[in-house]
Amino acid sequence: MRTLFVIISIFTLASCKKEPAAPLPIANFFVENAFCTSPCYVKFYDQSYNAVEWKWYFGNSLTSHKENDSTLFHTPGFYDVSLSVKNADGVRDSVSKQIQVY
């Protein structure tokens, strides 16, 4: 009678260290050519911190995913413009500003 014993040991070295969290995003933007006379283009410049993704809501039913963009406002009025940004970890922040077109 022959007995065969096989012992298998698996050692896994796993790091307990986590990657540090990405810095929190802070949404902000600058508006150029606000208070223009319609029809007119208004330019929007991102001034956010720690952002890697952008989503603009221009208040005229148009949106954009560009870091900086512009849009045409056809009619006079007040428009609520929002920018939502995301950091590398997917954390979001947003800011809204109202512009007036004459």
PDB file of N, CA and C in Angstrom:
ATOM      1  N   MET A   1       0.825  -1.151   0.000  1.00  0.00           N
ATOM      2  CA  MET A   1       0.000   0.000   0.000  1.00  0.00           C
ATOM      3  C   MET A   1       0.885   1.235   0.000  1.00  0.00           C
ATOM      4  N   ARG A   2       0.563   2.047  -0.905  1.00  0.00           N
ATOM      5  CA  ARG A   2       1.372   3.235  -1.085  1.00  0.00           C
ATOM      6  C   ARG A   2       0.503   4.472  -0.870  1.00  0.00           C
ATOM      7  N   THR A   3       0.941   5.410  -0.072  1.00  0.00           N
ATOM      8  CA  THR A   3       0.171   6.617   0.203  1.00  0.00           C
ATOM      9  C   THR A   3       0.944   7.808  -0.329  1.00  0.00           C
ATOM     10  N   LEU A   4       0.234   8.599  -1.016  1.00  0.00           N
ATOM     11  CA  LEU A   4       0.847   9.793  -1.595  1.00  0.00           C
ATOM     12  C   LEU A   4       0.159  11.012  -0.997  1.00  0.00           C
ATOM     13  N   PHE A   5       0.937  11.811  -0.384  1.00  0.00           N
ATOM     14  CA  PHE A   5       0.420  13.052   0.182  1.00  0.00           C
ATOM     15  C   PHE A   5       0.986  14.212  -0.614  1.00  0.00           C
ATOM     16  N   VAL A   6       0.085  15.054  -1.018  1.00  0.00           N
ATOM     17  CA  VAL A   6       0.498  16.247  -1.756  1.00  0.00           C
ATOM     18  C   VAL A   6       0.053  17.455  -0.946  1.00  0.00           C
ATOM     19  N   ILE A   7       0.982  18.237  -0.662  1.00  0.00           N
ATOM     20  CA  ILE A   7       0.674  19.457   0.082  1.00  0.00           C
ATOM     21  C   ILE A   7       0.925  20.637  -0.849  1.00  0.00           C
ATOM     22  N   ILE A   8      -0.109  21.385  -1.003  1.00  0.00           N
ATOM     23  CA  ILE A   8       0.002  22.563  -1.862  1.00  0.00           C
ATOM     24  C   ILE A   8      -0.206  23.790  -0.997  1.00  0.00           C
ATOM     25  N   SER A   9       0.738  24.652  -1.082  1.00  0.00           N
ATOM     26  CA  SER A   9       0.632  25.912  -0.358  1.00  0.00           C
ATOM     27  C   SER A   9       0.693  27.043  -1.361  1.00  0.00           C
ATOM     28  N   ILE A  10      -0.256  27.865  -1.250  1.00  0.00           N
ATOM     29  CA  ILE A  10      -0.276  29.024  -2.128  1.00  0.00           C
ATOM     30  C   ILE A  10      -0.182  30.266  -1.255  1.00  0.00           C
ATOM     31  N   PHE A  11       0.818  30.974  -1.514  1.00  0.00           N
ATOM     32  CA  PHE A  11       1.003  32.216  -0.781  1.00  0.00           C
ATOM     33  C   PHE A  11       0.770  33.366  -1.751  1.00  0.00           C
ATOM     34  N   THR A  12      -0.127  34.193  -1.377  1.00  0.00           N
ATOM     35  CA  THR A  12      -0.413  35.354  -2.199  1.00  0.00           C
ATOM     36  C   THR A  12       0.042  36.587  -1.445  1.00  0.00           C
ATOM     37  N   LEU A  13       0.847  37.313  -2.100  1.00  0.00           N
ATOM     38  CA  LEU A  13       1.286  38.563  -1.518  1.00  0.00           C
ATOM     39  C   LEU A  13       0.400  39.667  -2.072  1.00  0.00           C
ATOM     40  N   ALA A  14      -0.389  40.215  -1.245  1.00  0.00           N
ATOM     41  CA  ALA A  14      -1.282  41.294  -1.661  1.00  0.00           C
ATOM     42  C   ALA A  14      -0.957  42.520  -0.834  1.00  0.00           C
ATOM     43  N   SER A  15      -0.953  43.591  -1.501  1.00  0.00           N
ATOM     44  CA  SER A  15      -0.674  44.843  -0.827  1.00  0.00           C
ATOM     45  C   SER A  15      -1.930  45.338  -0.119  1.00  0.00           C
ATOM     46  N   CYS A  16      -1.758  45.774   1.068  1.00  0.00           N
ATOM     47  CA  CYS A  16      -2.878  46.339   1.813  1.00  0.00           C
ATOM     48  C   CYS A  16      -2.989  47.838   1.577  1.00  0.00           C
ATOM     49  N   LYS A  17      -2.042  48.357   0.840  1.00  0.00           N
ATOM     50  CA  LYS A  17      -2.039  49.798   0.586  1.00  0.00           C
ATOM     51  C   LYS A  17      -3.069  50.131  -0.486  1.00  0.00           C
ATOM     52  N   LYS A  18      -3.874  51.146  -0.221  1.00  0.00           N
ATOM     53  CA  LYS A  18      -4.830  51.637  -1.198  1.00  0.00           C
ATOM     54  C   LYS A  18      -4.236  52.868  -1.868  1.00  0.00           C
ATOM     55  N   GLU A  19      -4.645  53.058  -3.100  1.00  0.00           N
ATOM     56  CA  GLU A  19      -4.234  54.279  -3.782  1.00  0.00           C
ATOM     57  C   GLU A  19      -4.880  55.459  -3.065  1.00  0.00           C
ATOM     58  N   PRO A  20      -4.187  56.561  -2.961  1.00  0.00           N
ATOM     59  CA  PRO A  20      -4.811  57.719  -2.314  1.00  0.00           C
ATOM     60  C   PRO A  20      -5.986  58.212  -3.159  1.00  0.00           C
ATOM     61  N   ALA A  21      -6.969  58.734  -2.502  1.00  0.00           N
ATOM     62  CA  ALA A  21      -8.142  59.268  -3.200  1.00  0.00           C
ATOM     63  C   ALA A  21      -7.734  60.476  -4.034  1.00  0.00           C
ATOM     64  N   ALA A  22      -8.397  60.609  -5.170  1.00  0.00           N
ATOM     65  CA  ALA A  22      -8.153  61.778  -6.017  1.00  0.00           C
ATOM     66  C   ALA A  22      -8.654  63.021  -5.275  1.00  0.00           C
ATOM     67  N   PRO A  23      -7.995  64.150  -5.484  1.00  0.00           N
ATOM     68  CA  PRO A  23      -8.473  65.380  -4.837  1.00  0.00           C
ATOM     69  C   PRO A  23      -9.913  65.677  -5.248  1.00  0.00           C
ATOM     70  N   LEU A  24     -10.680  66.211  -4.336  1.00  0.00           N
ATOM     71  CA  LEU A  24     -12.075  66.530  -4.623  1.00  0.00           C
ATOM     72  C   LEU A  24     -12.172  67.603  -5.715  1.00  0.00           C
ATOM     73  N   PRO A  25     -13.155  67.471  -6.593  1.00  0.00           N
ATOM     74  CA  PRO A  25     -13.323  68.490  -7.627  1.00  0.00           C
ATOM     75  C   PRO A  25     -14.027  69.716  -7.059  1.00  0.00           C
ATOM     76  N   ILE A  26     -13.695  70.849  -7.602  1.00  0.00           N
ATOM     77  CA  ILE A  26     -14.369  72.104  -7.261  1.00  0.00           C
ATOM     78  C   ILE A  26     -14.753  72.764  -8.579  1.00  0.00           C
ATOM     79  N   ALA A  27     -16.039  72.821  -8.860  1.00  0.00           N
ATOM     80  CA  ALA A  27     -16.532  73.350 -10.130  1.00  0.00           C
ATOM     81  C   ALA A  27     -16.582  74.880 -10.103  1.00  0.00           C
ATOM     82  N   ASN A  28     -16.141  75.482 -11.211  1.00  0.00           N
ATOM     83  CA  ASN A  28     -16.239  76.932 -11.385  1.00  0.00           C
ATOM     84  C   ASN A  28     -16.010  77.242 -12.851  1.00  0.00           C
ATOM     85  N   PHE A  29     -16.552  78.369 -13.312  1.00  0.00           N
ATOM     86  CA  PHE A  29     -16.310  78.785 -14.692  1.00  0.00           C
ATOM     87  C   PHE A  29     -16.409  80.290 -14.833  1.00  0.00           C
ATOM     88  N   PHE A  30     -15.828  80.778 -15.916  1.00  0.00           N
ATOM     89  CA  PHE A  30     -15.812  82.187 -16.274  1.00  0.00           C
ATOM     90  C   PHE A  30     -16.640  82.368 -17.537  1.00  0.00           C
ATOM     91  N   VAL A  31     -17.402  83.456 -17.606  1.00  0.00           N
ATOM     92  CA  VAL A  31     -18.257  83.741 -18.760  1.00  0.00           C
ATOM     93  C   VAL A  31     -17.694  84.952 -19.498  1.00  0.00           C
ATOM     94  N   GLU A  32     -17.546  84.801 -20.807  1.00  0.00           N
ATOM     95  CA  GLU A  32     -17.093  85.912 -21.654  1.00  0.00           C
ATOM     96  C   GLU A  32     -18.218  86.291 -22.610  1.00  0.00           C
ATOM     97  N   ASN A  33     -18.495  87.565 -22.734  1.00  0.00           N
ATOM     98  CA  ASN A  33     -19.509  88.113 -23.629  1.00  0.00           C
ATOM     99  C   ASN A  33     -20.914  87.962 -23.055  1.00  0.00           C
ATOM    100  N   ALA A  34     -21.027  87.869 -21.742  1.00  0.00           N
ATOM    101  CA  ALA A  34     -22.346  87.892 -21.124  1.00  0.00           C
ATOM    102  C   ALA A  34     -22.934  89.281 -21.349  1.00  0.00           C
ATOM    103  N   PHE A  35     -24.203  89.413 -21.260  1.00  0.00           N
ATOM    104  CA  PHE A  35     -24.927  90.670 -21.485  1.00  0.00           C
ATOM    105  C   PHE A  35     -24.839  91.129 -22.930  1.00  0.00           C
ATOM    106  N   CYS A  36     -24.638  90.202 -23.856  1.00  0.00           N
ATOM    107  CA  CYS A  36     -24.579  90.543 -25.271  1.00  0.00           C
ATOM    108  C   CYS A  36     -26.005  90.729 -25.816  1.00  0.00           C
ATOM    109  N   THR A  37     -26.093  91.276 -27.010  1.00  0.00           N
ATOM    110  CA  THR A  37     -27.382  91.480 -27.672  1.00  0.00           C
ATOM    111  C   THR A  37     -27.638  90.313 -28.612  1.00  0.00           C
ATOM    112  N   SER A  38     -28.789  89.673 -28.439  1.00  0.00           N
ATOM    113  CA  SER A  38     -29.103  88.476 -29.233  1.00  0.00           C
ATOM    114  C   SER A  38     -29.394  88.832 -30.687  1.00  0.00           C
ATOM    115  N   PRO A  39     -29.103  87.907 -31.582  1.00  0.00           N
ATOM    116  CA  PRO A  39     -28.452  86.618 -31.343  1.00  0.00           C
ATOM    117  C   PRO A  39     -26.956  86.815 -31.142  1.00  0.00           C
ATOM    118  N   CYS A  40     -26.387  86.086 -30.207  1.00  0.00           N
ATOM    119  CA  CYS A  40     -24.961  86.240 -29.917  1.00  0.00           C
ATOM    120  C   CYS A  40     -24.390  84.960 -29.323  1.00  0.00           C
ATOM    121  N   TYR A  41     -23.085  84.824 -29.469  1.00  0.00           N
ATOM    122  CA  TYR A  41     -22.354  83.701 -28.868  1.00  0.00           C
ATOM    123  C   TYR A  41     -21.791  84.134 -27.527  1.00  0.00           C
ATOM    124  N   VAL A  42     -21.899  83.262 -26.555  1.00  0.00           N
ATOM    125  CA  VAL A  42     -21.308  83.482 -25.244  1.00  0.00           C
ATOM    126  C   VAL A  42     -20.309  82.352 -25.026  1.00  0.00           C
ATOM    127  N   LYS A  43     -19.118  82.715 -24.547  1.00  0.00           N
ATOM    128  CA  LYS A  43     -18.055  81.734 -24.322  1.00  0.00           C
ATOM    129  C   LYS A  43     -17.972  81.399 -22.837  1.00  0.00           C
ATOM    130  N   PHE A  44     -17.700  80.120 -22.569  1.00  0.00           N
ATOM    131  CA  PHE A  44     -17.607  79.620 -21.201  1.00  0.00           C
ATOM    132  C   PHE A  44     -16.267  78.920 -21.020  1.00  0.00           C
ATOM    133  N   TYR A  45     -15.542  79.325 -19.983  1.00  0.00           N
ATOM    134  CA  TYR A  45     -14.208  78.792 -19.714  1.00  0.00           C
ATOM    135  C   TYR A  45     -14.201  78.095 -18.355  1.00  0.00           C
ATOM    136  N   ASP A  46     -13.793  76.846 -18.358  1.00  0.00           N
ATOM    137  CA  ASP A  46     -13.683  76.081 -17.124  1.00  0.00           C
ATOM    138  C   ASP A  46     -12.599  76.662 -16.237  1.00  0.00           C
ATOM    139  N   GLN A  47     -12.903  76.842 -14.970  1.00  0.00           N
ATOM    140  CA  GLN A  47     -11.921  77.252 -13.964  1.00  0.00           C
ATOM    141  C   GLN A  47     -11.974  76.303 -12.767  1.00  0.00           C
ATOM    142  N   SER A  48     -12.388  75.077 -13.034  1.00  0.00           N
ATOM    143  CA  SER A  48     -12.533  74.075 -11.980  1.00  0.00           C
ATOM    144  C   SER A  48     -11.175  73.528 -11.554  1.00  0.00           C
ATOM    145  N   TYR A  49     -11.166  72.943 -10.375  1.00  0.00           N
ATOM    146  CA  TYR A  49      -9.978  72.266  -9.860  1.00  0.00           C
ATOM    147  C   TYR A  49     -10.232  70.761  -9.859  1.00  0.00           C
ATOM    148  N   ASN A  50      -9.218  70.004 -10.231  1.00  0.00           N
ATOM    149  CA  ASN A  50      -9.205  68.546 -10.145  1.00  0.00           C
ATOM    150  C   ASN A  50     -10.266  67.866 -11.009  1.00  0.00           C
ATOM    151  N   ALA A  51     -10.658  68.498 -12.096  1.00  0.00           N
ATOM    152  CA  ALA A  51     -11.677  67.924 -12.980  1.00  0.00           C
ATOM    153  C   ALA A  51     -11.027  67.150 -14.124  1.00  0.00           C
ATOM    154  N   VAL A  52     -11.655  66.023 -14.485  1.00  0.00           N
ATOM    155  CA  VAL A  52     -11.214  65.241 -15.641  1.00  0.00           C
ATOM    156  C   VAL A  52     -12.364  65.037 -16.639  1.00  0.00           C
ATOM    157  N   GLU A  53     -13.592  65.372 -16.230  1.00  0.00           N
ATOM    158  CA  GLU A  53     -14.763  65.312 -17.113  1.00  0.00           C
ATOM    159  C   GLU A  53     -15.634  66.529 -16.846  1.00  0.00           C
ATOM    160  N   TRP A  54     -16.284  67.016 -17.923  1.00  0.00           N
ATOM    161  CA  TRP A  54     -17.100  68.217 -17.847  1.00  0.00           C
ATOM    162  C   TRP A  54     -18.454  67.971 -18.505  1.00  0.00           C
ATOM    163  N   LYS A  55     -19.501  68.601 -17.967  1.00  0.00           N
ATOM    164  CA  LYS A  55     -20.815  68.578 -18.603  1.00  0.00           C
ATOM    165  C   LYS A  55     -21.448  69.951 -18.400  1.00  0.00           C
ATOM    166  N   TRP A  56     -21.626  70.654 -19.516  1.00  0.00           N
ATOM    167  CA  TRP A  56     -22.235  71.978 -19.517  1.00  0.00           C
ATOM    168  C   TRP A  56     -23.720  71.858 -19.833  1.00  0.00           C
ATOM    169  N   TYR A  57     -24.524  72.662 -19.163  1.00  0.00           N
ATOM    170  CA  TYR A  57     -25.943  72.855 -19.462  1.00  0.00           C
ATOM    171  C   TYR A  57     -26.112  74.361 -19.668  1.00  0.00           C
ATOM    172  N   PHE A  58     -26.334  74.764 -20.909  1.00  0.00           N
ATOM    173  CA  PHE A  58     -26.308  76.189 -21.235  1.00  0.00           C
ATOM    174  C   PHE A  58     -27.622  76.921 -20.983  1.00  0.00           C
ATOM    175  N   GLY A  59     -28.688  76.218 -20.670  1.00  0.00           N
ATOM    176  CA  GLY A  59     -29.963  76.873 -20.402  1.00  0.00           C
ATOM    177  C   GLY A  59     -30.763  77.175 -21.657  1.00  0.00           C
ATOM    178  N   ASN A  60     -30.196  76.851 -22.821  1.00  0.00           N
ATOM    179  CA  ASN A  60     -30.886  77.052 -24.093  1.00  0.00           C
ATOM    180  C   ASN A  60     -31.178  75.707 -24.759  1.00  0.00           C
ATOM    181  N   SER A  61     -31.270  74.663 -23.984  1.00  0.00           N
ATOM    182  CA  SER A  61     -31.506  73.266 -24.370  1.00  0.00           C
ATOM    183  C   SER A  61     -30.287  72.586 -24.981  1.00  0.00           C
ATOM    184  N   LEU A  62     -29.141  73.243 -24.995  1.00  0.00           N
ATOM    185  CA  LEU A  62     -27.913  72.644 -25.518  1.00  0.00           C
ATOM    186  C   LEU A  62     -26.982  72.271 -24.367  1.00  0.00           C
ATOM    187  N   THR A  63     -26.173  71.230 -24.604  1.00  0.00           N
ATOM    188  CA  THR A  63     -25.191  70.779 -23.625  1.00  0.00           C
ATOM    189  C   THR A  63     -23.863  70.531 -24.331  1.00  0.00           C
ATOM    190  N   SER A  64     -22.816  70.327 -23.546  1.00  0.00           N
ATOM    191  CA  SER A  64     -21.491  70.051 -24.103  1.00  0.00           C
ATOM    192  C   SER A  64     -20.671  69.267 -23.087  1.00  0.00           C
ATOM    193  N   HIS A  65     -19.718  68.485 -23.600  1.00  0.00           N
ATOM    194  CA  HIS A  65     -18.776  67.765 -22.742  1.00  0.00           C
ATOM    195  C   HIS A  65     -17.353  68.315 -22.887  1.00  0.00           C
ATOM    196  N   LYS A  66     -17.207  69.438 -23.550  1.00  0.00           N
ATOM    197  CA  LYS A  66     -15.888  70.039 -23.727  1.00  0.00           C
ATOM    198  C   LYS A  66     -15.472  70.780 -22.460  1.00  0.00           C
ATOM    199  N   GLU A  67     -14.182  70.939 -22.300  1.00  0.00           N
ATOM    200  CA  GLU A  67     -13.686  71.673 -21.133  1.00  0.00           C
ATOM    201  C   GLU A  67     -14.070  73.147 -21.215  1.00  0.00           C
ATOM    202  N   ASN A  68     -13.934  73.735 -22.384  1.00  0.00           N
ATOM    203  CA  ASN A  68     -14.331  75.114 -22.653  1.00  0.00           C
ATOM    204  C   ASN A  68     -15.188  75.096 -23.908  1.00  0.00           C
ATOM    205  N   ASP A  69     -16.236  75.912 -23.935  1.00  0.00           N
ATOM    206  CA  ASP A  69     -17.116  75.888 -25.103  1.00  0.00           C
ATOM    207  C   ASP A  69     -17.865  77.206 -25.209  1.00  0.00           C
ATOM    208  N   SER A  70     -18.623  77.342 -26.276  1.00  0.00           N
ATOM    209  CA  SER A  70     -19.479  78.507 -26.472  1.00  0.00           C
ATOM    210  C   SER A  70     -20.798  78.029 -27.045  1.00  0.00           C
ATOM    211  N   THR A  71     -21.805  78.872 -26.942  1.00  0.00           N
ATOM    212  CA  THR A  71     -23.105  78.531 -27.501  1.00  0.00           C
ATOM    213  C   THR A  71     -23.805  79.794 -27.963  1.00  0.00           C
ATOM    214  N   LEU A  72     -24.725  79.630 -28.895  1.00  0.00           N
ATOM    215  CA  LEU A  72     -25.483  80.735 -29.467  1.00  0.00           C
ATOM    216  C   LEU A  72     -26.793  80.894 -28.707  1.00  0.00           C
ATOM    217  N   PHE A  73     -27.055  82.125 -28.289  1.00  0.00           N
ATOM    218  CA  PHE A  73     -28.326  82.459 -27.664  1.00  0.00           C
ATOM    219  C   PHE A  73     -29.111  83.294 -28.670  1.00  0.00           C
ATOM    220  N   HIS A  74     -30.263  82.764 -29.091  1.00  0.00           N
ATOM    221  CA  HIS A  74     -31.058  83.382 -30.147  1.00  0.00           C
ATOM    222  C   HIS A  74     -31.984  84.486 -29.648  1.00  0.00           C
ATOM    223  N   THR A  75     -32.449  84.374 -28.416  1.00  0.00           N
ATOM    224  CA  THR A  75     -33.443  85.310 -27.910  1.00  0.00           C
ATOM    225  C   THR A  75     -32.997  85.927 -26.595  1.00  0.00           C
ATOM    226  N   PRO A  76     -33.461  87.147 -26.318  1.00  0.00           N
ATOM    227  CA  PRO A  76     -33.136  87.789 -25.043  1.00  0.00           C
ATOM    228  C   PRO A  76     -33.737  87.012 -23.877  1.00  0.00           C
ATOM    229  N   GLY A  77     -33.098  87.146 -22.738  1.00  0.00           N
ATOM    230  CA  GLY A  77     -33.636  86.516 -21.538  1.00  0.00           C
ATOM    231  C   GLY A  77     -32.562  86.167 -20.544  1.00  0.00           C
ATOM    232  N   PHE A  78     -33.017  85.577 -19.452  1.00  0.00           N
ATOM    233  CA  PHE A  78     -32.118  85.089 -18.419  1.00  0.00           C
ATOM    234  C   PHE A  78     -31.914  83.594 -18.652  1.00  0.00           C
ATOM    235  N   TYR A  79     -30.679  83.153 -18.560  1.00  0.00           N
ATOM    236  CA  TYR A  79     -30.342  81.740 -18.788  1.00  0.00           C
ATOM    237  C   TYR A  79     -29.534  81.226 -17.608  1.00  0.00           C
ATOM    238  N   ASP A  80     -29.954  80.085 -17.073  1.00  0.00           N
ATOM    239  CA  ASP A  80     -29.212  79.427 -16.001  1.00  0.00           C
ATOM    240  C   ASP A  80     -28.234  78.448 -16.635  1.00  0.00           C
ATOM    241  N   VAL A  81     -26.947  78.735 -16.468  1.00  0.00           N
ATOM    242  CA  VAL A  81     -25.882  77.909 -17.037  1.00  0.00           C
ATOM    243  C   VAL A  81     -25.250  77.117 -15.905  1.00  0.00           C
ATOM    244  N   SER A  82     -25.106  75.806 -16.115  1.00  0.00           N
ATOM    245  CA  SER A  82     -24.529  74.938 -15.093  1.00  0.00           C
ATOM    246  C   SER A  82     -23.346  74.170 -15.662  1.00  0.00           C
ATOM    247  N   LEU A  83     -22.378  73.934 -14.803  1.00  0.00           N
ATOM    248  CA  LEU A  83     -21.232  73.091 -15.130  1.00  0.00           C
ATOM    249  C   LEU A  83     -21.121  72.022 -14.060  1.00  0.00           C
ATOM    250  N   SER A  84     -21.109  70.768 -14.495  1.00  0.00           N
ATOM    251  CA  SER A  84     -20.890  69.637 -13.600  1.00  0.00           C
ATOM    252  C   SER A  84     -19.557  69.007 -13.974  1.00  0.00           C
ATOM    253  N   VAL A  85     -18.685  68.829 -12.978  1.00  0.00           N
ATOM    254  CA  VAL A  85     -17.370  68.235 -13.231  1.00  0.00           C
ATOM    255  C   VAL A  85     -17.217  66.978 -12.390  1.00  0.00           C
ATOM    256  N   LYS A  86     -16.302  66.126 -12.842  1.00  0.00           N
ATOM    257  CA  LYS A  86     -16.032  64.868 -12.155  1.00  0.00           C
ATOM    258  C   LYS A  86     -14.521  64.714 -12.017  1.00  0.00           C
ATOM    259  N   ASN A  87     -14.069  64.203 -10.861  1.00  0.00           N
ATOM    260  CA  ASN A  87     -12.642  63.923 -10.684  1.00  0.00           C
ATOM    261  C   ASN A  87     -12.321  62.496 -11.133  1.00  0.00           C
ATOM    262  N   ALA A  88     -11.093  62.079 -10.958  1.00  0.00           N
ATOM    263  CA  ALA A  88     -10.648  60.760 -11.416  1.00  0.00           C
ATOM    264  C   ALA A  88     -11.343  59.610 -10.686  1.00  0.00           C
ATOM    265  N   ASP A  89     -11.868  59.853  -9.491  1.00  0.00           N
ATOM    266  CA  ASP A  89     -12.585  58.825  -8.739  1.00  0.00           C
ATOM    267  C   ASP A  89     -14.087  58.823  -9.020  1.00  0.00           C
ATOM    268  N   GLY A  90     -14.540  59.732  -9.887  1.00  0.00           N
ATOM    269  CA  GLY A  90     -15.957  59.798 -10.212  1.00  0.00           C
ATOM    270  C   GLY A  90     -16.779  60.676  -9.284  1.00  0.00           C
ATOM    271  N   VAL A  91     -16.115  61.419  -8.407  1.00  0.00           N
ATOM    272  CA  VAL A  91     -16.818  62.335  -7.502  1.00  0.00           C
ATOM    273  C   VAL A  91     -17.178  63.588  -8.287  1.00  0.00           C
ATOM    274  N   ARG A  92     -18.417  64.059  -8.113  1.00  0.00           N
ATOM    275  CA  ARG A  92     -18.915  65.203  -8.875  1.00  0.00           C
ATOM    276  C   ARG A  92     -19.044  66.455  -8.011  1.00  0.00           C
ATOM    277  N   ASP A  93     -18.962  67.594  -8.695  1.00  0.00           N
ATOM    278  CA  ASP A  93     -19.309  68.876  -8.109  1.00  0.00           C
ATOM    279  C   ASP A  93     -19.932  69.691  -9.226  1.00  0.00           C
ATOM    280  N   SER A  94     -20.781  70.637  -8.867  1.00  0.00           N
ATOM    281  CA  SER A  94     -21.402  71.466  -9.900  1.00  0.00           C
ATOM    282  C   SER A  94     -21.600  72.883  -9.398  1.00  0.00           C
ATOM    283  N   VAL A  95     -21.755  73.783 -10.365  1.00  0.00           N
ATOM    284  CA  VAL A  95     -21.997  75.185 -10.067  1.00  0.00           C
ATOM    285  C   VAL A  95     -22.929  75.732 -11.145  1.00  0.00           C
ATOM    286  N   SER A  96     -23.780  76.662 -10.759  1.00  0.00           N
ATOM    287  CA  SER A  96     -24.693  77.310 -11.706  1.00  0.00           C
ATOM    288  C   SER A  96     -24.549  78.819 -11.594  1.00  0.00           C
ATOM    289  N   LYS A  97     -24.669  79.472 -12.739  1.00  0.00           N
ATOM    290  CA  LYS A  97     -24.634  80.939 -12.786  1.00  0.00           C
ATOM    291  C   LYS A  97     -25.700  81.395 -13.768  1.00  0.00           C
ATOM    292  N   GLN A  98     -26.276  82.532 -13.494  1.00  0.00           N
ATOM    293  CA  GLN A  98     -27.286  83.064 -14.399  1.00  0.00           C
ATOM    294  C   GLN A  98     -26.669  84.157 -15.258  1.00  0.00           C
ATOM    295  N   ILE A  99     -26.936  84.096 -16.551  1.00  0.00           N
ATOM    296  CA  ILE A  99     -26.482  85.145 -17.461  1.00  0.00           C
ATOM    297  C   ILE A  99     -27.714  85.810 -18.067  1.00  0.00           C
ATOM    298  N   GLN A 100     -27.511  87.015 -18.554  1.00  0.00           N
ATOM    299  CA  GLN A 100     -28.602  87.722 -19.224  1.00  0.00           C
ATOM    300  C   GLN A 100     -28.160  88.074 -20.631  1.00  0.00           C
ATOM    301  N   VAL A 101     -29.028  87.802 -21.571  1.00  0.00           N
ATOM    302  CA  VAL A 101     -28.810  88.158 -22.970  1.00  0.00           C
ATOM    303  C   VAL A 101     -29.872  89.190 -23.316  1.00  0.00           C
ATOM    304  N   TYR A 102     -29.453  90.296 -23.961  1.00  0.00           N
ATOM    305  CA  TYR A 102     -30.390  91.372 -24.339  1.00  0.00           C
ATOM    306  C   TYR A 102     -30.916  91.170 -25.735  1.00  0.00           C
TER     307      TYR A 102
END
